[in-house]
C-alpha atoms as a PDB file:
ATOM      1  CA  MET A   1     121.259  63.531   0.088  1.00  0.00           C
ATOM      2  CA  ASP A   2     122.934  64.820  -2.826  1.00  0.00           C
ATOM      3  CA  TYR A   3     126.914  64.420  -2.881  1.00  0.00           C
ATOM      4  CA  PHE A   4     129.185  66.633  -5.139  1.00  0.00           C
ATOM      5  CA  ARG A   5     132.810  66.569  -5.701  1.00  0.00           C
ATOM      6  CA  ILE A   6     134.968  69.736  -5.603  1.00  0.00           C
ATOM      7  CA  LYS A   7     135.212  69.567  -9.246  1.00  0.00           C
ATOM      8  CA  ASP A   8     131.658  69.646  -9.516  1.00  0.00           C
ATOM      9  CA  ILE A   9     131.310  72.528  -6.762  1.00  0.00           C
ATOM     10  CA  GLU A  10     133.794  74.145  -9.262  1.00  0.00           C
ATOM     11  CA  ASN A  11     131.724  73.934 -12.525  1.00  0.00           C
ATOM     12  CA  LEU A  12     128.390  74.446 -10.829  1.00  0.00           C
ATOM     13  CA  THR A  13     129.750  78.012  -9.172  1.00  0.00           C
ATOM     14  CA  GLY A  14     132.556  78.921 -11.190  1.00  0.00           C
ATOM     15  CA  ILE A  15     134.860  79.082  -7.883  1.00  0.00           C
ATOM     16  CA  LYS A  16     138.287  77.268  -8.758  1.00  0.00           C
ATOM     17  CA  ALA A  17     138.873  74.375  -6.500  1.00  0.00           C
ATOM     18  CA  HIS A  18     142.053  75.748  -5.609  1.00  0.00           C
ATOM     19  CA  THR A  19     140.430  79.079  -4.096  1.00  0.00           C
ATOM     20  CA  LEU A  20     137.943  76.725  -2.304  1.00  0.00           C
ATOM     21  CA  ARG A  21     140.480  74.873  -0.698  1.00  0.00           C
ATOM     22  CA  ILE A  22     142.150  78.326   0.602  1.00  0.00           C
ATOM     23  CA  TRP A  23     139.005  79.447   1.741  1.00  0.00           C
ATOM     24  CA  GLU A  24     138.553  76.388   3.579  1.00  0.00           C
ATOM     25  CA  LYS A  25     141.988  76.401   5.204  1.00  0.00           C
ATOM     26  CA  ARG A  26     142.292  80.077   5.786  1.00  0.00           C
ATOM     27  CA  TYR A  27     138.978  81.179   6.944  1.00  0.00           C
ATOM     28  CA  LYS A  28     137.431  77.582   7.669  1.00  0.00           C
ATOM     29  CA  LEU A  29     134.442  78.272   4.916  1.00  0.00           C
ATOM     30  CA  ILE A  30     132.556  75.415   3.549  1.00  0.00           C
ATOM     31  CA  VAL A  31     134.442  72.804   5.500  1.00  0.00           C
ATOM     32  CA  SER A  32     133.955  69.715   3.041  1.00  0.00           C
ATOM     33  CA  LYS A  33     133.425  66.219   3.968  1.00  0.00           C
ATOM     34  CA  ARG A  34     135.332  62.932   3.819  1.00  0.00           C
ATOM     35  CA  LYS A  35     133.951  59.525   2.942  1.00  0.00           C
ATOM     36  CA  ASP A  36     135.413  56.542   4.366  1.00  0.00           C
ATOM     37  CA  SER A  37     137.645  56.324   1.096  1.00  0.00           C
ATOM     38  CA  ASN A  38     138.967  59.850   2.347  1.00  0.00           C
ATOM     39  CA  HIS A  39     137.482  61.394  -0.725  1.00  0.00           C
ATOM     40  CA  ARG A  40     136.599  65.122  -0.213  1.00  0.00           C
ATOM     41  CA  TYR A  41     132.696  65.978  -1.174  1.00  0.00           C
ATOM     42  CA  PHE A  42     130.216  68.421  -0.231  1.00  0.00           C
ATOM     43  CA  ASP A  43     126.198  68.051   0.436  1.00  0.00           C
ATOM     44  CA  ASN A  44     123.175  69.903  -0.931  1.00  0.00           C
ATOM     45  CA  GLU A  45     123.294  72.483   1.712  1.00  0.00           C
ATOM     46  CA  ASP A  46     126.974  72.865   1.229  1.00  0.00           C
ATOM     47  CA  LEU A  47     126.256  73.909  -2.454  1.00  0.00           C
ATOM     48  CA  LYS A  48     123.557  76.438  -1.220  1.00  0.00           C
ATOM     49  CA  THR A  49     126.155  78.109   0.965  1.00  0.00           C
ATOM     50  CA  ILE A  50     128.716  78.293  -1.781  1.00  0.00           C
ATOM     51  CA  LEU A  51     126.072  79.953  -3.906  1.00  0.00           C
ATOM     52  CA  GLN A  52     125.260  82.351  -1.285  1.00  0.00           C
ATOM     53  CA  ILE A  53     128.858  83.001  -0.752  1.00  0.00           C
ATOM     54  CA  ARG A  54     129.342  83.446  -4.303  1.00  0.00           C
ATOM     55  CA  TYR A  55     126.541  85.652  -4.923  1.00  0.00           C
ATOM     56  CA  LEU A  56     127.766  88.076  -1.702  1.00  0.00           C
ATOM     57  CA  TYR A  57     131.363  87.773  -3.110  1.00  0.00           C
ATOM     58  CA  GLU A  58     129.999  89.203  -6.471  1.00  0.00           C
ATOM     59  CA  THR A  59     128.287  91.843  -4.669  1.00  0.00           C
ATOM     60  CA  ASP A  60     131.505  93.427  -3.195  1.00  0.00           C
ATOM     61  CA  PHE A  61     131.852  91.813   0.123  1.00  0.00           C
ATOM     62  CA  LYS A  62     135.400  90.596   1.191  1.00  0.00           C
ATOM     63  CA  ILE A  63     135.697  87.247   1.451  1.00  0.00           C
ATOM     64  CA  SER A  64     137.175  88.074   5.047  1.00  0.00           C
ATOM     65  CA  GLN A  65     133.669  89.807   6.051  1.00  0.00           C
ATOM     66  CA  ILE A  66     132.169  86.661   4.752  1.00  0.00           C
ATOM     67  CA  ALA A  67     133.844  84.391   6.649  1.00  0.00           C
ATOM     68  CA  LYS A  68     132.941  86.619  10.136  1.00  0.00           C
ATOM     69  CA  LEU A  69     128.717  86.096   9.246  1.00  0.00           C
ATOM     70  CA  SER A  70     126.786  82.939  10.502  1.00  0.00           C
ATOM     71  CA  PRO A  71     125.313  80.697   8.239  1.00  0.00           C
ATOM     72  CA  GLU A  72     122.067  82.580   9.156  1.00  0.00           C
ATOM     73  CA  ALA A  73     123.430  86.125   8.077  1.00  0.00           C
ATOM     74  CA  ILE A  74     124.407  85.164   4.795  1.00  0.00           C
ATOM     75  CA  ALA A  75     121.186  83.611   4.132  1.00  0.00           C
ATOM     76  CA  THR A  76     119.683  86.992   5.214  1.00  0.00           C
ATOM     77  CA  PHE A  77     122.101  89.084   2.986  1.00  0.00           C
ATOM     78  CA  THR A  78     121.395  87.040  -0.144  1.00  0.00           C
ATOM     79  CA  HIS A  79     117.481  87.622   0.306  1.00  0.00           C
ATOM     80  CA  ILE A  80     117.739  91.385   0.780  1.00  0.00           C
ATOM     81  CA  ASP A  81     117.635  93.177  -2.368  1.00  0.00           C
ATOM     82  CA  HIS A  82     118.238  91.073  -5.701  1.00  0.00           C
ATOM     83  CA  SER A  83     118.279  94.468  -7.747  1.00  0.00           C
ATOM     84  CA  ASN A  84     121.417  95.324  -5.749  1.00  0.00           C
ATOM     85  CA  SER A  85     123.915  93.446  -8.258  1.00  0.00           C
ATOM     86  CA  LYS A  86     125.258  94.581 -11.405  1.00  0.00           C
ATOM     87  CA  SER A  87     126.437  91.237 -11.810  1.00  0.00           C
ATOM     88  CA  THR A  88     124.437  88.689 -14.223  1.00  0.00           C
ATOM     89  CA  ASP A  89     126.635  85.985 -12.663  1.00  0.00           C
ATOM     90  CA  ALA A  90     125.080  86.575  -9.132  1.00  0.00           C
ATOM     91  CA  PHE A  91     121.427  86.234 -10.499  1.00  0.00           C
ATOM     92  CA  ILE A  92     122.373  82.969 -11.904  1.00  0.00           C
ATOM     93  CA  LEU A  93     123.369  81.701  -8.557  1.00  0.00           C
ATOM     94  CA  GLN A  94     120.384  82.858  -6.586  1.00  0.00           C
ATOM     95  CA  LEU A  95     118.335  81.199  -9.464  1.00  0.00           C
ATOM     96  CA  ILE A  96     119.675  77.834  -8.762  1.00  0.00           C
ATOM     97  CA  ASN A  97     119.435  78.546  -5.231  1.00  0.00           C
ATOM     98  CA  ALA A  98     115.696  79.042  -5.497  1.00  0.00           C
ATOM     99  CA  MET A  99     115.145  76.499  -7.782  1.00  0.00           C
ATOM    100  CA  ILE A 100     117.254  73.820  -5.299  1.00  0.00           C
ATOM    101  CA  ASP A 101     114.684  74.429  -2.428  1.00  0.00           C
ATOM    102  CA  PHE A 102     111.614  74.819  -5.291  1.00  0.00           C
ATOM    103  CA  ASN A 103     111.039  78.361  -3.737  1.00  0.00           C
ATOM    104  CA  GLY A 104     108.703  79.583  -6.260  1.00  0.00           C
ATOM    105  CA  ASN A 105     108.498  83.152  -4.727  1.00  0.00           C
ATOM    106  CA  ASP A 106     112.130  83.447  -4.662  1.00  0.00           C
ATOM    107  CA  PHE A 107     112.764  82.248  -8.025  1.00  0.00           C
ATOM    108  CA  ASN A 108     110.164  85.229  -9.357  1.00  0.00           C
ATOM    109  CA  SER A 109     111.335  87.909  -7.166  1.00  0.00           C
ATOM    110  CA  ILE A 110     114.927  87.095  -8.695  1.00  0.00           C
ATOM    111  CA  LEU A 111     113.986  87.033 -12.232  1.00  0.00           C
ATOM    112  CA  ASN A 112     111.732  90.301 -12.045  1.00  0.00           C
ATOM    113  CA  ALA A 113     114.918  92.188 -10.400  1.00  0.00           C
ATOM    114  CA  ALA A 114     116.970  90.538 -13.141  1.00  0.00           C
ATOM    115  CA  ILE A 115     114.515  92.220 -15.801  1.00  0.00           C
ATOM    116  CA  ASP A 116     114.166  95.387 -13.967  1.00  0.00           C
ATOM    117  CA  GLN A 117     117.769  95.876 -13.790  1.00  0.00           C
ATOM    118  CA  PHE A 118     118.838  94.772 -17.298  1.00  0.00           C
ATOM    119  CA  GLY A 119     115.530  94.631 -19.164  1.00  0.00           C
ATOM    120  CA  MET A 120     114.110  91.429 -20.359  1.00  0.00           C
ATOM    121  CA  GLN A 121     116.442  91.007 -23.439  1.00  0.00           C
ATOM    122  CA  LYS A 122     119.511  90.564 -21.405  1.00  0.00           C
ATOM    123  CA  ALA A 123     117.599  88.864 -18.791  1.00  0.00           C
ATOM    124  CA  ILE A 124     116.677  86.354 -21.086  1.00  0.00           C
ATOM    125  CA  THR A 125     119.923  85.931 -23.136  1.00  0.00           C
ATOM    126  CA  GLU A 126     122.481  86.253 -19.991  1.00  0.00           C
ATOM    127  CA  ILE A 127     120.531  85.638 -17.225  1.00  0.00           C
ATOM    128  CA  ALA A 128     117.750  82.800 -18.095  1.00  0.00           C
ATOM    129  CA  TYR A 129     120.515  80.970 -20.639  1.00  0.00           C
ATOM    130  CA  GLY A 130     123.083  81.177 -18.277  1.00  0.00           C
ATOM    131  CA  PHE A 131     121.028  79.629 -15.501  1.00  0.00           C
ATOM    132  CA  MET A 132     119.943  76.849 -17.925  1.00  0.00           C
ATOM    133  CA  ARG A 133     123.625  76.239 -18.911  1.00  0.00           C
ATOM    134  CA  ARG A 134     124.375  75.707 -15.243  1.00  0.00           C
ATOM    135  CA  ILE A 135     121.262  73.292 -14.505  1.00  0.00           C
ATOM    136  CA  GLY A 136     122.324  71.479 -17.452  1.00  0.00           C
ATOM    137  CA  LEU A 137     125.949  70.896 -15.387  1.00  0.00           C
ATOM    138  CA  LEU A 138     123.783  69.428 -12.508  1.00  0.00           C
ATOM    139  CA  TRP A 139     121.970  67.075 -14.990  1.00  0.00           C
ATOM    140  CA  LEU A 140     125.825  65.958 -16.259  1.00  0.00           C
ATOM    141  CA  THR A 141     126.736  65.322 -12.642  1.00  0.00           C
ATOM    142  CA  ASN A 142     123.316  63.508 -11.584  1.00  0.00           C
ATOM    143  CA  HIS A 143     122.547  66.009  -9.221  1.00  0.00           C
ATOM    144  CA  MET A 144     119.258  67.615 -10.414  1.00  0.00           C
ATOM    145  CA  ILE A 145     115.796  65.692 -10.607  1.00  0.00           C
ATOM    146  CA  PRO A 146     113.692  66.428 -13.467  1.00  0.00           C
ATOM    147  CA  ALA A 147     111.320  67.890 -11.114  1.00  0.00           C
ATOM    148  CA  GLN A 148     113.812  70.773 -10.633  1.00  0.00           C
ATOM    149  CA  GLU A 149     113.981  71.385 -14.095  1.00  0.00           C
ATOM    150  CA  HIS A 150     110.167  71.227 -14.752  1.00  0.00           C
ATOM    151  CA  PHE A 151     109.751  73.571 -11.640  1.00  0.00           C
ATOM    152  CA  ALA A 152     112.159  76.434 -12.732  1.00  0.00           C
ATOM    153  CA  THR A 153     111.679  76.066 -16.973  1.00  0.00           C
ATOM    154  CA  ASN A 154     108.018  76.731 -16.537  1.00  0.00           C
ATOM    155  CA  LEU A 155     108.215  79.798 -14.483  1.00  0.00           C
ATOM    156  CA  ILE A 156     110.856  81.234 -17.060  1.00  0.00           C
ATOM    157  CA  LYS A 157     108.097  80.345 -19.482  1.00  0.00           C
ATOM    158  CA  SER A 158     105.178  81.967 -17.377  1.00  0.00           C
ATOM    159  CA  ARG A 159     107.571  85.204 -17.425  1.00  0.00           C
ATOM    160  CA  LEU A 160     108.049  85.511 -21.028  1.00  0.00           C
ATOM    161  CA  ILE A 161     104.159  84.920 -21.773  1.00  0.00           C
ATOM    162  CA  LYS A 162     103.173  87.458 -19.271  1.00  0.00           C
ATOM    163  CA  ALA A 163     106.087  89.418 -21.229  1.00  0.00           C
ATOM    164  CA  ILE A 164     104.445  88.668 -24.615  1.00  0.00           C
ATOM    165  CA  GLU A 165     101.130  89.445 -23.527  1.00  0.00           C
ATOM    166  CA  GLU A 166     102.276  92.982 -21.974  1.00  0.00           C
ATOM    167  CA  SER A 167     103.723  94.262 -25.161  1.00  0.00           C
ATOM    168  CA  PRO A 168     102.660  97.231 -26.892  1.00  0.00           C
ATOM    169  CA  LYS A 169      99.642  96.960 -28.624  1.00  0.00           C
ATOM    170  CA  LYS A 170     101.118  98.652 -31.594  1.00  0.00           C
ATOM    171  CA  GLN A 171      99.855  97.652 -35.280  1.00  0.00           C
ATOM    172  CA  GLU A 172     101.516  94.713 -36.733  1.00  0.00           C
ATOM    173  CA  ASN A 173     102.906  94.241 -40.277  1.00  0.00           C
ATOM    174  CA  LYS A 174     100.067  92.156 -41.403  1.00  0.00           C
ATOM    175  CA  ASP A 175     102.278  91.574 -44.852  1.00  0.00           C
ATOM    176  CA  GLN A 176     104.336  89.669 -43.197  1.00  0.00           C
ATOM    177  CA  ILE A 177     103.278  86.678 -40.867  1.00  0.00           C
ATOM    178  CA  THR A 178     105.959  84.224 -39.359  1.00  0.00           C
ATOM    179  CA  LEU A 179     104.760  81.063 -38.307  1.00  0.00           C
ATOM    180  CA  LEU A 180     106.974  80.047 -35.182  1.00  0.00           C
ATOM    181  CA  PHE A 181     107.536  76.553 -34.472  1.00  0.00           C
ATOM    182  CA  THR A 182     109.876  73.467 -33.264  1.00  0.00           C
ATOM    183  CA  PRO A 183     109.980  70.252 -34.931  1.00  0.00           C
ATOM    184  CA  PRO A 184     108.477  67.069 -33.638  1.00  0.00           C
ATOM    185  CA  GLY A 185     110.534  65.899 -30.383  1.00  0.00           C
ATOM    186  CA  GLU A 186     111.772  69.140 -29.688  1.00  0.00           C
ATOM    187  CA  PHE A 187     109.680  70.499 -26.684  1.00  0.00           C
ATOM    188  CA  HIS A 188     112.420  73.416 -25.294  1.00  0.00           C
ATOM    189  CA  GLU A 189     110.020  76.193 -25.484  1.00  0.00           C
ATOM    190  CA  ILE A 190     111.555  78.860 -23.960  1.00  0.00           C
ATOM    191  CA  PRO A 191     114.060  79.966 -27.098  1.00  0.00           C
ATOM    192  CA  LEU A 192     110.975  79.394 -29.028  1.00  0.00           C
ATOM    193  CA  LEU A 193     108.743  81.938 -26.745  1.00  0.00           C
ATOM    194  CA  PHE A 194     111.537  84.415 -26.561  1.00  0.00           C
ATOM    195  CA  ILE A 195     111.619  84.928 -30.319  1.00  0.00           C
ATOM    196  CA  HIS A 196     108.072  85.519 -30.108  1.00  0.00           C
ATOM    197  CA  PHE A 197     108.770  88.174 -27.661  1.00  0.00           C
ATOM    198  CA  LEU A 198     111.456  89.795 -30.299  1.00  0.00           C
ATOM    199  CA  PHE A 199     108.910  89.468 -32.884  1.00  0.00           C
ATOM    200  CA  LYS A 200     106.034  91.230 -30.831  1.00  0.00           C
ATOM    201  CA  GLN A 201     108.389  93.773 -29.884  1.00  0.00           C
ATOM    202  CA  ASN A 202     109.063  94.743 -33.306  1.00  0.00           C
ATOM    203  CA  ASN A 203     105.636  94.518 -34.473  1.00  0.00           C
ATOM    204  CA  ARG A 204     105.975  91.789 -36.502  1.00  0.00           C
ATOM    205  CA  GLY A 205     103.109  89.305 -37.397  1.00  0.00           C
ATOM    206  CA  VAL A 206     103.388  86.032 -35.766  1.00  0.00           C
ATOM    207  CA  CYS A 207     101.315  82.936 -35.875  1.00  0.00           C
ATOM    208  CA  TYR A 208     102.540  80.642 -33.228  1.00  0.00           C
ATOM    209  CA  LEU A 209     102.337  76.971 -32.776  1.00  0.00           C
ATOM    210  CA  GLY A 210     105.040  76.028 -30.164  1.00  0.00           C
ATOM    211  CA  THR A 211     106.763  72.911 -30.139  1.00  0.00           C
ATOM    212  CA  ASN A 212     106.536  69.119 -31.136  1.00  0.00           C
ATOM    213  CA  THR A 213     104.940  70.489 -34.530  1.00  0.00           C
ATOM    214  CA  THR A 214     104.193  67.887 -37.265  1.00  0.00           C
ATOM    215  CA  MET A 215     104.245  68.526 -41.110  1.00  0.00           C
ATOM    216  CA  GLU A 216     100.371  67.958 -41.233  1.00  0.00           C
ATOM    217  CA  ASP A 217     100.078  70.973 -38.691  1.00  0.00           C
ATOM    218  CA  LEU A 218     102.263  73.236 -40.792  1.00  0.00           C
ATOM    219  CA  SER A 219     100.292  72.510 -44.063  1.00  0.00           C
ATOM    220  CA  TYR A 220      96.806  73.114 -42.386  1.00  0.00           C
ATOM    221  CA  CYS A 221      97.625  76.226 -40.852  1.00  0.00           C
ATOM    222  CA  ILE A 222      99.800  77.418 -44.202  1.00  0.00           C
ATOM    223  CA  GLU A 223      96.158  76.777 -45.589  1.00  0.00           C
ATOM    224  CA  LYS A 224      94.121  78.370 -43.271  1.00  0.00           C
ATOM    225  CA  ARG A 225      96.673  81.766 -42.962  1.00  0.00           C
ATOM    226  CA  GLN A 226      98.804  83.863 -45.108  1.00  0.00           C
ATOM    227  CA  ILE A 227     101.751  82.701 -43.815  1.00  0.00           C
ATOM    228  CA  THR A 228     104.719  84.210 -45.237  1.00  0.00           C
ATOM    229  CA  HIS A 229     108.095  82.696 -43.486  1.00  0.00           C
ATOM    230  CA  LEU A 230     108.524  79.535 -41.231  1.00  0.00           C
ATOM    231  CA  TYR A 231     110.674  80.028 -38.233  1.00  0.00           C
ATOM    232  CA  PHE A 232     111.686  76.699 -36.252  1.00  0.00           C
ATOM    233  CA  HIS A 233     114.313  76.582 -33.353  1.00  0.00           C
ATOM    234  CA  LEU A 234     116.469  73.196 -32.770  1.00  0.00           C
ATOM    235  CA  ILE A 235     118.111  72.546 -29.920  1.00  0.00           C
ATOM    236  CA  THR A 236     117.991  68.734 -29.789  1.00  0.00           C
ATOM    237  CA  ASN A 237     117.093  66.791 -33.067  1.00  0.00           C
ATOM    238  CA  LEU A 238     114.806  63.862 -32.170  1.00  0.00           C
ATOM    239  CA  THR A 239     113.020  63.689 -35.506  1.00  0.00           C
ATOM    240  CA  GLY A 240     114.705  60.693 -36.820  1.00  0.00           C
ATOM    241  CA  LYS A 241     116.305  62.801 -39.849  1.00  0.00           C
ATOM    242  CA  THR A 242     119.610  64.866 -39.929  1.00  0.00           C
ATOM    243  CA  ILE A 243     119.212  68.478 -39.535  1.00  0.00           C
ATOM    244  CA  ASN A 244     119.832  68.739 -43.393  1.00  0.00           C
ATOM    245  CA  GLU A 245     117.535  66.376 -44.269  1.00  0.00           C
ATOM    246  CA  LEU A 246     114.575  67.812 -42.289  1.00  0.00           C
ATOM    247  CA  VAL A 247     115.307  71.314 -43.779  1.00  0.00           C
ATOM    248  CA  GLU A 248     115.325  70.036 -47.035  1.00  0.00           C
ATOM    249  CA  GLU A 249     112.004  68.260 -46.573  1.00  0.00           C
ATOM    250  CA  LEU A 250     110.641  71.889 -45.467  1.00  0.00           C
ATOM    251  CA  LEU A 251     111.963  73.688 -48.525  1.00  0.00           C
ATOM    252  CA  THR A 252     110.962  70.771 -50.562  1.00  0.00           C
ATOM    253  CA  GLN A 253     107.496  70.707 -48.980  1.00  0.00           C
ATOM    254  CA  PHE A 254     106.653  74.638 -48.551  1.00  0.00           C
ATOM    255  CA  PRO A 255     108.778  76.079 -51.968  1.00  0.00           C
ATOM    256  CA  THR A 256     107.631  79.469 -52.063  1.00  0.00           C
ATOM    257  CA  ILE A 257     107.932  80.125 -47.793  1.00  0.00           C
ATOM    258  CA  PRO A 258     111.173  81.445 -46.744  1.00  0.00           C
ATOM    259  CA  LEU A 259     112.324  79.177 -43.972  1.00  0.00           C
ATOM    260  CA  ILE A 260     114.669  80.572 -41.088  1.00  0.00           C
ATOM    261  CA  VAL A 261     116.330  78.349 -38.627  1.00  0.00           C
ATOM    262  CA  SER A 262     118.177  79.258 -35.294  1.00  0.00           C
ATOM    263  CA  GLY A 263     119.695  77.051 -32.324  1.00  0.00           C
ATOM    264  CA  PRO A 264     122.659  75.488 -31.695  1.00  0.00           C
ATOM    265  CA  LEU A 265     122.016  72.652 -34.614  1.00  0.00           C
ATOM    266  CA  ALA A 266     121.703  75.886 -37.123  1.00  0.00           C
ATOM    267  CA  ASN A 267     125.464  75.751 -37.110  1.00  0.00           C
ATOM    268  CA  GLN A 268     125.136  71.951 -38.953  1.00  0.00           C
ATOM    269  CA  ILE A 269     123.211  73.150 -41.934  1.00  0.00           C
ATOM    270  CA  SER A 270     125.534  72.813 -45.278  1.00  0.00           C
ATOM    271  CA  ILE A 271     122.321  73.457 -47.559  1.00  0.00           C
ATOM    272  CA  SER A 272     122.348  76.638 -49.503  1.00  0.00           C
ATOM    273  CA  SER A 273     119.195  77.850 -50.744  1.00  0.00           C
ATOM    274  CA  PRO A 274     117.728  81.397 -51.622  1.00  0.00           C
ATOM    275  CA  ASN A 275     114.697  80.756 -49.360  1.00  0.00           C
ATOM    276  CA  LEU A 276     116.774  79.623 -46.226  1.00  0.00           C
ATOM    277  CA  VAL A 277     118.204  81.921 -43.547  1.00  0.00           C
ATOM    278  CA  CYS A 278     120.417  79.986 -40.639  1.00  0.00           C
ATOM    279  CA  LEU A 279     120.780  82.182 -37.741  1.00  0.00           C
ATOM    280  CA  GLN A 280     124.186  80.890 -36.249  1.00  0.00           C
ATOM    281  CA  SER A 281     124.496  82.939 -32.820  1.00  0.00           C
ATOM    282  CA  ILE A 282     122.031  84.747 -30.317  1.00  0.00           C
ATOM    283  CA  GLU A 283     123.221  88.048 -31.907  1.00  0.00           C
ATOM    284  CA  GLU A 284     121.681  87.073 -35.010  1.00  0.00           C
ATOM    285  CA  MET A 285     118.871  86.131 -33.701  1.00  0.00           C
ATOM    286  CA  LEU A 286     118.569  89.191 -31.770  1.00  0.00           C
ATOM    287  CA  GLN A 287     118.682  91.274 -34.586  1.00  0.00           C
ATOM    288  CA  PHE A 288     116.685  89.126 -37.130  1.00  0.00           C
ATOM    289  CA  PRO A 289     113.185  90.421 -36.235  1.00  0.00           C
ATOM    290  CA  ILE A 290     114.388  94.478 -36.706  1.00  0.00           C
ATOM    291  CA  HIS A 291     116.696  94.176 -40.137  1.00  0.00           C
ATOM    292  CA  PHE A 292     115.642  90.993 -41.738  1.00  0.00           C
ATOM    293  CA  MET A 293     111.739  91.478 -41.442  1.00  0.00           C
ATOM    294  CA  ASN A 294     112.358  95.110 -42.258  1.00  0.00           C
ATOM    295  CA  PRO A 295     113.716  95.353 -46.304  1.00  0.00           C
ATOM    296  CA  GLU A 296     114.388  99.088 -45.528  1.00  0.00           C
ATOM    297  CA  LEU A 297     117.220  98.418 -43.177  1.00  0.00           C
ATOM    298  CA  GLN A 298     118.513  95.509 -45.293  1.00  0.00           C
ATOM    299  CA  ASN A 299     120.967  98.030 -47.448  1.00  0.00           C
END
């Protein structure tokens, strides 16, 4: 059984500890348990209930109404129709709930409802990314096992791959072929798949090598294909080099090919080169396939 402190619950659900105490005292909602040391704690089922309550609260239920519902009724209301919610946070809470139970049908249903409601771009940048930030908090509090992360991220990856395959079959710009990859040791594929999706949506030529790509792999692909741009996304740098050393190596190895870098570590790059583009925010990443790859729109 997992045990959560009230501060953990606050971080994971976005409900202030003070508010949780008021709900507990006034409405007898989510009554916490006490250890022998008298410290307050919540268990795994409490977390799921709080996530459900927060979801209903986000969909215009009053807390006094929720307090009158049985646990079964709360669970029923949170599964009736995901598409009724206009709150991205409500979808995030529902995804966490489905992940905890390894419920693939619910997870896919919630993710698809989010895509229908907001479109793929917003569903990924605000809901899927927000979800991953929250499960990062679960990692920090030691209340998530690796299998839960693999379960959830594989479902998101599968949905992105489907969206890439379903992209309109338009004529790609064959004059520009961008090689998408992550460096050795980087296995976070969801951002890279999302970039692939953005390129497909904007009819940009793509060669997708995926994660954990070596310098030898890059050289071989460039030799076989007419690659015009290199693009990598980096979250965790396990290459044994600093981000600046890695960028310098790529610029030196492939001096005639422009290099694009995105991800959290792009902010740490201090190298200045006409062949280097650093995308330092999600907004810049979203605009890149539209503006930078289309010279007519750069002025």
